[in-house]
Amino acid sequence: MTALIVFILTFAFFCQSLFGFGGGLISIPILSLFMPVQNAVTLASVFQISMGFLILRTYKDTGWKHIRALLPMTVIGVGLGIALLKYLNGDIIRLALAGYILLHLARTHTKFDPLGRIIKAGGAHLAGFLGGTMNAMIGGGGPAFILYLKDKASNPSEFRANITAILFLSNIPRLAGTLGTGLMTWDIFTTAMIVYPFYLGALVLGQKLHKKIPQKRFFTAIEVLLAFTALSLTLKALL
């Protein structure tokens, strides 16, 4: 099982390094097929939190007024997300993960984007609350933050810096919550430490191969994998 966990997380964060996203989106649903979903979310959070240290490189580009607008409700959302992760039945969270994947695929390929309309209507407070909740509950708060911040940045560097900052800051109370509620166990932590060297290697390899891999084909293969994973999660939850 440990070898499988190492492979899944290494592959997922290789994709994160290659595309700029996908570490949690890929790893958490697949891990949830083989282990309790609470453990999968908590394990992946170690590596998602580590990605946030990129803030040290992007700090000067960050539009902090937008981050300050998001942050209060983000923290409240994280508290709710941790509680849902702790106390909801695992199969309900698996169905939420499957729905999250399908909404991501629909938004990518169609004009169906209910989350985008909700964020546009609700502004920073709702974006922060939804992003914080989803980040803590299923490791997937990125889309809510992205939909709010995409029109706030003056250039791509500021946009990337803003996303890095809000994800990092939302992961601080998330980490505290997993520790305080007992979601982060010693076994999960030691497993994460076993994976960590492979995770670092995946980040380096992804950066080196960024321009050499035909990204469109690789991305299509990832989307097929995600669709299959969503179906598998649904069947596992319902059967």
Protein backbone atom coordinates (compact mmCIF):
# COMPACT_ATOMS: atom_id res chain seq x y z
CA MET A 1 0.00 0.00 0.00
CA THR A 2 2.83 2.43 0.85
CA ALA A 3 4.34 2.01 -2.63
CA LEU A 4 0.95 2.79 -4.20
CA ILE A 5 0.57 5.92 -2.05
CA VAL A 6 4.08 7.06 -3.02
CA PHE A 7 3.29 6.56 -6.72
CA ILE A 8 -0.07 8.38 -6.60
CA LEU A 9 1.25 11.42 -4.74
CA THR A 10 4.45 11.60 -6.79
CA PHE A 11 2.48 11.48 -10.04
CA ALA A 12 -0.09 14.02 -8.83
CA PHE A 13 2.48 16.61 -7.79
CA PHE A 14 4.52 15.97 -10.92
CA CYS A 15 1.37 17.09 -12.74
CA GLN A 16 1.13 20.07 -10.38
CA SER A 17 4.67 21.07 -11.28
CA LEU A 18 3.98 20.52 -14.98
CA PHE A 19 0.63 22.34 -15.27
CA GLY A 20 0.60 24.60 -12.22
CA PHE A 21 -2.33 22.79 -10.60
CA GLY A 22 -3.69 19.30 -9.97
CA GLY A 23 -1.82 17.95 -6.96
CA GLY A 24 -4.88 17.68 -4.74
CA LEU A 25 -7.36 17.32 -7.60
CA ILE A 26 -5.62 14.16 -8.81
CA SER A 27 -4.25 12.59 -5.62
CA ILE A 28 -7.14 12.94 -3.16
CA PRO A 29 -9.88 11.26 -5.25
CA ILE A 30 -7.59 8.39 -6.28
CA LEU A 31 -6.30 7.87 -2.72
CA SER A 32 -9.91 7.88 -1.51
CA LEU A 33 -10.54 4.72 -3.50
CA PHE A 34 -8.00 2.85 -1.35
CA MET A 35 -8.15 4.49 2.09
CA PRO A 36 -10.57 6.47 4.28
CA VAL A 37 -11.26 9.77 2.55
CA GLN A 38 -10.38 11.70 5.72
CA ASN A 39 -6.91 10.15 5.65
CA ALA A 40 -6.50 10.92 1.94
CA VAL A 41 -7.37 14.60 2.38
CA THR A 42 -5.13 14.95 5.44
CA LEU A 43 -2.19 13.17 3.80
CA ALA A 44 -2.37 15.29 0.65
CA SER A 45 -2.62 18.44 2.76
CA VAL A 46 1.02 18.02 3.86
CA PHE A 47 2.16 18.45 0.26
CA GLN A 48 -0.38 21.15 -0.58
CA ILE A 49 0.87 23.16 2.40
CA SER A 50 4.46 22.67 1.23
CA MET A 51 3.58 24.14 -2.17
CA GLY A 52 2.56 27.31 -0.35
CA PHE A 53 6.16 28.12 0.54
CA LEU A 54 6.44 29.42 -3.03
CA ILE A 55 5.06 32.58 -1.40
CA LEU A 56 8.67 33.37 -0.48
CA ARG A 57 9.35 33.86 -4.20
CA THR A 58 6.12 35.67 -5.08
CA TYR A 59 5.58 37.87 -2.02
CA LYS A 60 6.46 41.14 -3.79
CA ASP A 61 4.00 40.47 -6.63
CA THR A 62 1.03 39.79 -4.35
CA GLY A 63 -1.98 42.12 -4.36
CA TRP A 64 -2.47 42.05 -0.60
CA LYS A 65 -5.66 44.13 -0.56
CA HIS A 66 -7.45 41.32 -2.42
CA ILE A 67 -6.02 38.71 -0.05
CA ARG A 68 -7.16 40.74 2.97
CA ALA A 69 -10.66 40.89 1.49
CA LEU A 70 -10.79 37.09 1.15
CA LEU A 71 -9.06 36.07 4.37
CA PRO A 72 -11.65 36.53 7.18
CA MET A 73 -14.34 34.36 5.58
CA THR A 74 -11.69 31.95 4.32
CA VAL A 75 -10.68 31.19 7.92
CA ILE A 76 -14.33 30.67 8.90
CA GLY A 77 -14.79 28.39 5.88
CA VAL A 78 -11.75 26.35 6.87
CA GLY A 79 -13.27 25.79 10.31
CA LEU A 80 -16.48 24.49 8.73
CA GLY A 81 -14.56 22.35 6.23
CA ILE A 82 -12.50 20.70 8.98
CA ALA A 83 -15.69 19.92 10.92
CA LEU A 84 -17.34 18.42 7.83
CA LEU A 85 -14.24 16.34 7.06
CA LYS A 86 -14.12 15.09 10.65
CA TYR A 87 -17.77 14.24 11.15
CA LEU A 88 -19.37 13.57 7.75
CA ASN A 89 -19.68 10.01 6.51
CA GLY A 90 -16.79 9.19 4.17
CA ASP A 91 -19.12 8.18 1.34
CA ILE A 92 -20.77 11.61 1.40
CA ILE A 93 -17.34 13.21 1.01
CA ARG A 94 -16.53 10.78 -1.83
CA LEU A 95 -19.68 11.93 -3.62
CA ALA A 96 -18.63 15.54 -3.03
CA LEU A 97 -15.24 14.75 -4.56
CA ALA A 98 -16.88 13.12 -7.58
CA GLY A 99 -19.15 16.14 -8.03
CA TYR A 100 -16.18 18.48 -7.70
CA ILE A 101 -14.31 16.62 -10.46
CA LEU A 102 -17.33 16.63 -12.79
CA LEU A 103 -17.90 20.37 -12.23
CA HIS A 104 -14.22 21.00 -13.00
CA LEU A 105 -14.46 19.02 -16.25
CA ALA A 106 -17.73 20.71 -17.22
CA ARG A 107 -16.30 24.18 -16.56
CA THR A 108 -13.24 23.33 -18.66
CA HIS A 109 -15.15 22.12 -21.72
CA THR A 110 -18.55 23.85 -21.59
CA LYS A 111 -20.15 27.10 -20.50
CA PHE A 112 -21.72 25.35 -17.50
CA ASP A 113 -20.18 27.20 -14.57
CA PRO A 114 -22.54 27.56 -11.59
CA LEU A 115 -19.66 28.22 -9.19
CA GLY A 116 -18.47 31.12 -11.35
CA ARG A 117 -21.91 32.73 -11.25
CA ILE A 118 -22.15 32.26 -7.47
CA ILE A 119 -18.72 33.82 -6.89
CA LYS A 120 -19.52 36.73 -9.18
CA ALA A 121 -22.70 37.44 -7.22
CA GLY A 122 -21.21 36.90 -3.75
CA GLY A 123 -17.87 38.68 -4.07
CA ALA A 124 -14.87 38.28 -1.77
CA HIS A 125 -16.76 37.08 1.31
CA LEU A 126 -18.53 34.22 -0.45
CA ALA A 127 -15.43 33.31 -2.49
CA GLY A 128 -13.38 33.15 0.71
CA PHE A 129 -15.98 31.11 2.57
CA LEU A 130 -16.47 28.58 -0.25
CA GLY A 131 -12.74 28.38 -0.99
CA GLY A 132 -11.87 27.82 2.66
CA THR A 133 -14.59 25.22 3.14
CA MET A 134 -13.71 23.22 0.03
CA ASN A 135 -9.98 23.47 0.69
CA ALA A 136 -10.33 22.01 4.19
CA MET A 137 -13.01 19.44 3.34
CA ILE A 138 -11.78 18.02 0.03
CA GLY A 139 -8.48 19.79 -0.62
CA GLY A 140 -10.00 21.73 -3.51
CA GLY A 141 -10.46 25.40 -2.68
CA GLY A 142 -8.50 26.65 -5.67
CA PRO A 143 -11.37 27.17 -8.14
CA ALA A 144 -13.33 29.49 -5.81
CA PHE A 145 -10.24 31.62 -5.20
CA ILE A 146 -9.27 31.60 -8.89
CA LEU A 147 -12.73 32.68 -10.04
CA TYR A 148 -12.62 35.67 -7.69
CA LEU A 149 -9.00 36.68 -8.25
CA LYS A 150 -8.74 36.21 -12.02
CA ASP A 151 -10.07 39.71 -12.76
CA LYS A 152 -8.28 41.42 -9.86
CA ALA A 153 -4.68 41.07 -11.01
CA SER A 154 -2.96 43.50 -13.34
CA ASN A 155 -0.64 40.84 -14.81
CA PRO A 156 -0.08 37.04 -14.76
CA SER A 157 2.67 37.28 -12.14
CA GLU A 158 0.35 39.05 -9.70
CA PHE A 159 -2.41 36.50 -10.38
CA ARG A 160 -0.11 33.54 -9.63
CA ALA A 161 1.20 35.33 -6.53
CA ASN A 162 -2.33 35.99 -5.29
CA ILE A 163 -3.35 32.34 -5.69
CA THR A 164 -0.17 31.16 -3.96
CA ALA A 165 -0.76 33.57 -1.07
CA ILE A 166 -4.41 32.75 -0.37
CA LEU A 167 -3.86 29.00 -0.62
CA PHE A 168 -0.88 29.21 1.73
CA LEU A 169 -2.76 31.35 4.24
CA SER A 170 -5.84 29.12 4.12
CA ASN A 171 -3.67 26.07 4.71
CA ILE A 172 -2.29 27.44 8.00
CA PRO A 173 -5.63 27.12 9.90
CA ARG A 174 -6.26 23.94 7.92
CA LEU A 175 -3.08 22.41 9.34
CA ALA A 176 -4.00 23.59 12.84
CA GLY A 177 -7.45 22.05 12.42
CA THR A 178 -6.17 18.65 11.30
CA LEU A 179 -3.79 18.57 14.27
CA GLY A 180 -6.35 19.81 16.78
CA THR A 181 -9.09 17.39 15.73
CA GLY A 182 -6.83 14.35 15.51
CA LEU A 183 -7.20 13.99 11.74
CA MET A 184 -3.41 14.22 11.41
CA THR A 185 -2.22 11.00 13.01
CA TRP A 186 1.34 9.80 13.51
CA ASP A 187 0.85 7.13 10.81
CA ILE A 188 -0.26 9.75 8.27
CA PHE A 189 2.66 12.01 9.17
CA THR A 190 5.24 9.21 8.85
CA THR A 191 3.74 8.15 5.52
CA ALA A 192 4.06 11.75 4.32
CA MET A 193 7.72 11.81 5.33
CA ILE A 194 8.33 8.62 3.31
CA VAL A 195 6.71 10.24 0.27
CA TYR A 196 8.45 13.61 0.70
CA PRO A 197 11.73 12.91 -1.16
CA PHE A 198 9.75 11.56 -4.13
CA TYR A 199 7.48 14.62 -3.98
CA LEU A 200 10.48 16.97 -4.16
CA GLY A 201 11.90 14.98 -7.07
CA ALA A 202 8.56 15.20 -8.88
CA LEU A 203 8.53 18.99 -8.54
CA VAL A 204 12.03 19.27 -9.99
CA LEU A 205 11.28 16.83 -12.81
CA GLY A 206 8.05 18.61 -13.71
CA GLN A 207 9.87 21.92 -14.04
CA LYS A 208 12.58 20.37 -16.22
CA LEU A 209 10.09 18.60 -18.52
CA HIS A 210 7.63 21.48 -18.65
CA LYS A 211 8.48 22.40 -22.25
CA LYS A 212 9.34 18.89 -23.47
CA ILE A 213 6.12 16.98 -22.77
CA PRO A 214 3.22 17.46 -25.25
CA GLN A 215 1.01 19.04 -22.62
CA LYS A 216 -2.26 18.95 -24.56
CA ARG A 217 -2.17 15.15 -24.94
CA PHE A 218 -0.95 14.62 -21.38
CA PHE A 219 -3.67 16.93 -20.06
CA THR A 220 -6.32 15.00 -22.01
CA ALA A 221 -5.09 11.75 -20.48
CA ILE A 222 -5.33 13.31 -17.01
CA GLU A 223 -8.91 14.40 -17.66
CA VAL A 224 -9.85 10.87 -18.75
CA LEU A 225 -8.26 9.57 -15.54
CA LEU A 226 -10.23 12.11 -13.49
CA ALA A 227 -13.51 11.16 -15.18
CA PHE A 228 -12.86 7.47 -14.46
CA THR A 229 -11.96 8.33 -10.86
CA ALA A 230 -15.19 10.31 -10.40
CA LEU A 231 -17.19 7.32 -11.67
CA SER A 232 -15.27 4.96 -9.37
CA LEU A 233 -15.82 7.23 -6.35
CA THR A 234 -19.55 7.38 -7.08
CA LEU A 235 -19.83 3.60 -7.38
CA LYS A 236 -17.77 3.06 -4.21
CA ALA A 237 -19.98 5.48 -2.28
CA LEU A 238 -23.29 4.09 -3.52
CA LEU A 239 -22.65 0.34 -3.69
